[in-house]
């Protein structure tokens, strides 16, 4: 799992920086930065889904295609 976290960190760095920027300017109030947090979550989910499809069995790859 640490490797998964590294790939998410690299792929979603821009979204993570946007969260930090927002929080710094809005006195660390997360509810004011939900748009940025949601964007990071979508990025993370996409990266993890691609990893799962790429490293899984043929049936996982077929299931991944069905969701597109």
Protein backbone atom coordinates (compact mmCIF):
# COMPACT_ATOMS: atom_id res chain seq x y z
CA UNK A 1 0.00 0.00 0.00
CA UNK A 2 2.80 2.54 0.49
CA UNK A 3 3.49 2.28 -3.24
CA UNK A 4 -0.19 3.06 -3.92
CA UNK A 5 0.08 6.10 -1.67
CA UNK A 6 3.19 7.28 -3.54
CA UNK A 7 1.43 7.05 -6.89
CA UNK A 8 -1.58 8.94 -5.54
CA UNK A 9 0.72 11.57 -4.06
CA UNK A 10 2.49 12.13 -7.37
CA UNK A 11 -0.63 12.07 -9.54
CA UNK A 12 -2.71 14.26 -7.24
CA UNK A 13 -0.07 16.73 -6.08
CA UNK A 14 -1.73 19.70 -7.77
CA UNK A 15 -5.05 18.94 -6.07
CA UNK A 16 -3.34 18.48 -2.68
CA UNK A 17 -1.56 21.82 -3.05
CA UNK A 18 -4.87 23.47 -3.89
CA UNK A 19 -6.29 22.15 -0.61
CA UNK A 20 -3.36 23.56 1.36
CA UNK A 21 -3.65 26.91 -0.43
CA UNK A 22 -7.37 27.10 0.33
CA UNK A 23 -6.97 26.11 3.97
CA UNK A 24 -4.19 28.64 4.50
CA UNK A 25 -6.33 31.44 3.13
CA UNK A 26 -9.51 30.41 4.92
CA UNK A 27 -8.14 29.97 8.44
CA UNK A 28 -8.01 26.14 8.23
CA UNK A 29 -11.79 25.86 7.83
CA UNK A 30 -12.29 22.68 5.83
CA UNK A 31 -15.93 23.34 5.01
CA UNK A 32 -14.83 26.36 2.95
CA UNK A 33 -12.49 24.17 0.90
CA UNK A 34 -14.78 21.23 0.11
CA UNK A 35 -14.50 21.81 -3.64
CA UNK A 36 -10.73 21.26 -3.48
CA UNK A 37 -11.03 18.31 -1.11
CA UNK A 38 -13.58 16.66 -3.39
CA UNK A 39 -11.30 17.18 -6.40
CA UNK A 40 -8.44 15.47 -4.54
CA UNK A 41 -10.71 12.56 -3.59
CA UNK A 42 -11.80 12.12 -7.22
CA UNK A 43 -8.15 12.14 -8.30
CA UNK A 44 -7.23 9.58 -5.63
CA UNK A 45 -10.13 7.34 -6.59
CA UNK A 46 -9.17 7.48 -10.28
CA UNK A 47 -5.55 6.58 -9.55
CA UNK A 48 -6.53 3.68 -7.29
CA UNK A 49 -9.08 2.40 -9.82
CA UNK A 50 -6.45 2.42 -12.57
CA UNK A 51 -4.01 0.57 -10.31
CA UNK A 52 -6.62 -2.01 -9.43
CA UNK A 53 -7.57 -2.56 -13.06
CA UNK A 54 -3.93 -2.78 -14.13
CA UNK A 55 -2.80 -5.20 -11.44
CA UNK A 56 -5.95 -7.27 -11.10
CA UNK A 57 -7.10 -10.31 -12.98
CA UNK A 58 -8.70 -10.25 -16.42
CA UNK A 59 -12.12 -10.15 -14.76
CA UNK A 60 -11.15 -6.99 -12.86
CA UNK A 61 -10.08 -5.36 -16.12
CA UNK A 62 -13.38 -6.31 -17.75
CA UNK A 63 -15.30 -4.94 -14.74
CA UNK A 64 -13.33 -1.71 -15.00
CA UNK A 65 -14.33 -1.32 -18.64
CA UNK A 66 -17.97 -1.78 -17.75
CA UNK A 67 -17.90 1.26 -15.49
CA UNK A 68 -16.65 3.68 -18.15
